[in-house]
Amino acid sequence: MSGRLNNDTMIIKAKRTNHGETTARRIHVEKDIKLEELEYKIRERFDISYDKGVELFYVDEDNDRVVVTFEDELTLALGSNKVPVFEIVVKPRVIDSEYTYPQVPRGKPGDCVEILVESQFLTLANAMRDDTKAWGTYAYTNDSDIVKVLAHSEKIDLPENPPPFNAIITLRLLPGNLKYIGSTSQGITTLNYGPYDSSYIIESVRTVPIHEKAYFDSNDI
């Protein structure tokens, strides 16, 4: 019968509080669901995009919120005799990792990373090099060259000569796409590609005078 559960499936309840209003939904899941899959399902039900970091909690019998970050914690929560209740909380932006160009950023979807691009690379000639590539528009493949993307996305006007500052680029890592559509902007052409397993978008660009050592006390562009 349609909608009837079998031995491999179960019902959970998920909650989210947004602007003081709590919404709850019942979700049909596999009993052996993995943590990443559960997070995806709950994000989908509450329309929480991957540019937002989240925390997942299990609400236990004492109405305490128990953080769920490992598979064994999820297994214990799903083993409850009652309908398991989970709560998803959107986190404020946190910098998960820091890199220096030309390192390629790594992480999981939703992570926020920062990349230091030194002055010597912040030129139009460097962005237009034939040996660097970028794929996509707005959302780019994770291995797209950062300087080329900077120019293409119009986040910064690159000069002909190295400027008197370095730049700190804040990226939000996203899931991969089935297709990336290239385009031409600011004289930079990005390419079509797909599928690919990870993406990023540029959230912000900050500049730091070259002599400054405190890179994170800087100005947004």
Protein backbone atom coordinates (compact mmCIF):
# COMPACT_ATOMS: atom_id res chain seq x y z
CA MET A 1 0.00 0.00 0.00
CA SER A 2 1.33 3.45 -0.91
CA GLY A 3 2.95 5.30 2.00
CA ARG A 4 3.18 2.20 4.18
CA LEU A 5 6.51 1.68 5.96
CA ASN A 6 8.56 -1.50 5.65
CA ASN A 7 11.29 -2.97 7.85
CA ASP A 8 13.95 -0.82 6.18
CA THR A 9 12.28 2.57 6.60
CA MET A 10 11.06 4.82 9.39
CA ILE A 11 9.53 8.21 10.13
CA ILE A 12 11.49 11.01 11.80
CA LYS A 13 10.41 14.50 12.79
CA ALA A 14 12.58 17.51 11.90
CA LYS A 15 12.23 21.02 13.31
CA ARG A 16 13.62 24.41 12.40
CA THR A 17 13.16 27.74 14.17
CA ASN A 18 13.40 30.79 11.92
CA HIS A 19 12.74 34.34 13.14
CA GLY A 20 11.14 32.96 16.30
CA GLU A 21 8.73 30.63 14.48
CA THR A 22 9.22 26.86 14.73
CA THR A 23 8.18 24.59 11.87
CA ALA A 24 8.12 20.79 12.12
CA ARG A 25 7.96 18.21 9.35
CA ARG A 26 7.72 14.42 9.26
CA ILE A 27 10.18 12.78 6.89
CA HIS A 28 10.30 9.21 5.59
CA VAL A 29 13.91 7.89 5.70
CA GLU A 30 15.87 4.67 5.46
CA LYS A 31 16.79 3.20 8.86
CA ASP A 32 20.45 3.03 7.85
CA ILE A 33 20.54 6.57 6.43
CA LYS A 34 23.92 8.29 6.59
CA LEU A 35 24.43 11.63 8.31
CA GLU A 36 25.19 13.48 5.07
CA GLU A 37 22.02 12.10 3.45
CA LEU A 38 19.90 13.07 6.46
CA GLU A 39 21.27 16.61 6.44
CA TYR A 40 20.50 16.85 2.72
CA LYS A 41 16.89 15.71 3.24
CA ILE A 42 16.31 18.16 6.09
CA ARG A 43 17.91 21.04 4.17
CA GLU A 44 15.63 20.21 1.24
CA ARG A 45 12.45 20.17 3.35
CA PHE A 46 13.22 23.53 4.95
CA ASP A 47 14.73 25.06 1.80
CA ILE A 48 18.11 25.73 3.44
CA SER A 49 20.70 26.36 0.75
CA TYR A 50 24.25 25.05 0.91
CA ASP A 51 25.67 28.56 1.20
CA LYS A 52 24.56 28.36 4.85
CA GLY A 53 26.33 26.25 7.45
CA VAL A 54 24.12 24.14 9.72
CA GLU A 55 24.25 22.10 12.92
CA LEU A 56 22.06 19.06 13.48
CA PHE A 57 20.69 18.14 16.91
CA TYR A 58 18.75 15.17 18.26
CA VAL A 59 16.06 16.09 20.80
CA ASP A 60 16.20 13.31 23.40
CA GLU A 61 13.64 12.00 25.91
CA ASP A 62 14.59 14.74 28.40
CA ASN A 63 14.03 17.38 25.71
CA ASP A 64 17.76 18.10 25.63
CA ARG A 65 19.38 18.99 22.33
CA VAL A 66 22.21 16.54 21.63
CA VAL A 67 24.54 17.54 18.81
CA VAL A 68 24.84 14.96 16.01
CA THR A 69 28.15 15.13 14.14
CA PHE A 70 29.19 11.46 13.86
CA GLU A 71 27.56 8.39 12.35
CA ASP A 72 27.39 6.51 15.68
CA GLU A 73 25.53 9.45 17.26
CA LEU A 74 23.00 9.29 14.45
CA THR A 75 22.63 5.52 14.88
CA LEU A 76 21.84 5.97 18.59
CA ALA A 77 19.27 8.67 17.81
CA LEU A 78 17.54 6.54 15.17
CA GLY A 79 17.37 3.63 17.63
CA SER A 80 14.92 5.50 19.85
CA ASN A 81 11.63 3.74 20.64
CA LYS A 82 9.73 6.91 19.80
CA VAL A 83 9.71 8.90 16.58
CA PRO A 84 13.19 10.52 16.56
CA VAL A 85 13.09 14.30 16.63
CA PHE A 86 15.88 16.32 15.02
CA GLU A 87 16.43 20.06 14.95
CA ILE A 88 18.48 21.87 12.32
CA VAL A 89 20.10 25.18 13.22
CA VAL A 90 21.63 27.57 10.69
CA LYS A 91 25.04 28.71 11.92
CA PRO A 92 26.54 32.17 11.52
CA ARG A 93 29.31 32.26 8.94
CA VAL A 94 32.53 30.70 10.20
CA ILE A 95 35.82 30.51 8.32
CA ASP A 96 36.61 26.80 8.15
CA SER A 97 39.97 26.93 6.35
CA GLU A 98 42.57 29.35 5.03
CA TYR A 99 44.63 28.97 1.86
CA THR A 100 47.21 30.87 -0.17
CA TYR A 101 46.80 31.16 -3.95
CA PRO A 102 47.35 29.08 -6.08
CA GLN A 103 46.24 26.41 -3.59
CA VAL A 104 42.90 24.79 -4.48
CA PRO A 105 40.34 25.09 -1.65
CA ARG A 106 39.09 21.85 -0.11
CA GLY A 107 36.18 21.12 2.20
CA LYS A 108 32.59 20.01 2.32
CA PRO A 109 29.54 21.79 0.90
CA GLY A 110 28.60 24.72 3.10
CA ASP A 111 32.16 25.38 4.31
CA CYS A 112 33.42 28.94 4.12
CA VAL A 113 37.10 29.30 3.21
CA GLU A 114 39.45 32.22 2.71
CA ILE A 115 42.24 32.46 0.16
CA LEU A 116 45.06 34.98 0.33
CA VAL A 117 45.98 36.21 -3.17
CA GLU A 118 49.22 38.16 -3.12
CA SER A 119 49.71 41.38 -5.06
CA GLN A 120 51.99 39.80 -7.67
CA PHE A 121 49.05 37.70 -8.92
CA LEU A 122 46.44 40.49 -8.94
CA THR A 123 46.97 41.65 -12.52
CA LEU A 124 44.84 41.46 -15.63
CA ALA A 125 47.66 39.67 -17.45
CA ASN A 126 47.64 36.93 -14.82
CA ALA A 127 43.87 36.53 -15.11
CA MET A 128 44.15 36.18 -18.90
CA ARG A 129 46.88 33.54 -18.89
CA ASP A 130 46.23 30.65 -21.28
CA ASP A 131 47.52 28.04 -18.83
CA THR A 132 44.82 28.76 -16.23
CA LYS A 133 41.15 27.85 -16.66
CA ALA A 134 37.78 28.47 -15.06
CA TRP A 135 34.50 26.66 -15.65
CA GLY A 136 31.04 28.08 -15.01
CA THR A 137 29.34 31.41 -14.31
CA TYR A 138 28.56 32.67 -10.78
CA ALA A 139 29.11 29.13 -9.44
CA TYR A 140 32.43 27.75 -10.64
CA THR A 141 34.03 24.31 -10.45
CA ASN A 142 36.18 23.90 -7.36
CA ASP A 143 39.38 23.74 -9.44
CA SER A 144 38.69 26.99 -11.34
CA ASP A 145 41.51 29.51 -11.13
CA ILE A 146 40.67 32.09 -8.45
CA VAL A 147 42.24 35.09 -10.19
CA LYS A 148 40.46 34.32 -13.45
CA VAL A 149 37.18 33.98 -11.53
CA LEU A 150 37.84 37.26 -9.69
CA ALA A 151 38.04 39.14 -12.97
CA HIS A 152 35.20 37.24 -14.65
CA SER A 153 32.80 37.76 -11.73
CA GLU A 154 33.58 41.50 -11.64
CA LYS A 155 34.40 41.28 -7.94
CA ILE A 156 37.55 43.33 -8.45
CA ASP A 157 39.07 45.46 -11.21
CA LEU A 158 42.50 44.02 -11.85
CA PRO A 159 45.19 46.55 -12.85
CA GLU A 160 47.99 46.09 -15.36
CA ASN A 161 50.65 46.22 -12.65
CA PRO A 162 50.65 44.59 -9.19
CA PRO A 163 48.64 46.79 -6.79
CA PRO A 164 49.86 48.00 -3.36
CA PHE A 165 47.65 45.43 -1.60
CA ASN A 166 46.96 41.73 -1.28
CA ALA A 167 43.42 40.34 -1.46
CA ILE A 168 41.57 37.90 0.78
CA ILE A 169 38.84 36.06 -1.07
CA THR A 170 36.01 34.46 0.89
CA LEU A 171 34.55 31.44 -0.89
CA ARG A 172 31.51 29.35 -0.07
CA LEU A 173 31.95 25.72 -1.10
CA LEU A 174 28.90 24.14 -2.73
CA PRO A 175 27.88 20.72 -4.09
CA GLY A 176 28.78 19.87 -7.66
CA ASN A 177 26.56 20.57 -10.66
CA LEU A 178 25.54 18.42 -13.59
CA LYS A 179 26.43 21.26 -15.93
CA TYR A 180 28.48 24.46 -15.78
CA ILE A 181 27.82 27.12 -18.40
CA GLY A 182 30.73 29.32 -19.40
CA SER A 183 30.49 32.96 -20.46
CA THR A 184 32.59 36.01 -21.28
CA SER A 185 32.90 38.94 -18.88
CA GLN A 186 35.57 41.61 -18.44
CA GLY A 187 37.50 40.04 -21.31
CA ILE A 188 37.70 36.70 -19.47
CA THR A 189 36.05 33.63 -20.97
CA THR A 190 35.06 30.72 -18.76
CA LEU A 191 34.24 27.30 -20.16
CA ASN A 192 31.38 24.81 -20.18
CA TYR A 193 31.83 21.62 -18.19
CA GLY A 194 29.97 18.95 -16.31
CA PRO A 195 29.26 17.06 -14.34
CA TYR A 196 31.72 17.95 -11.58
CA ASP A 197 31.61 17.04 -7.90
CA SER A 198 32.20 20.40 -6.17
CA SER A 199 31.73 24.12 -6.74
CA TYR A 200 32.32 27.49 -5.15
CA ILE A 201 30.94 31.01 -5.22
CA ILE A 202 32.74 34.19 -4.19
CA GLU A 203 31.09 35.73 -1.13
CA SER A 204 33.38 38.71 -0.63
CA VAL A 205 36.75 40.26 -1.44
CA ARG A 206 38.85 42.17 1.09
CA THR A 207 42.08 44.07 0.53
CA VAL A 208 45.06 44.30 2.86
CA PRO A 209 48.08 46.62 2.43
CA ILE A 210 51.11 44.54 1.49
CA HIS A 211 53.01 45.52 4.65
CA GLU A 212 50.11 44.46 6.91
CA LYS A 213 50.58 41.19 8.78
CA ALA A 214 47.10 41.13 10.35
CA TYR A 215 45.46 39.93 7.16
CA PHE A 216 42.01 39.64 8.67
CA ASP A 217 41.72 43.28 9.78
CA SER A 218 40.92 44.55 6.32
CA ASN A 219 38.51 46.37 4.02
CA ASP A 220 35.67 44.79 2.07
CA ILE A 221 35.34 45.58 -1.61
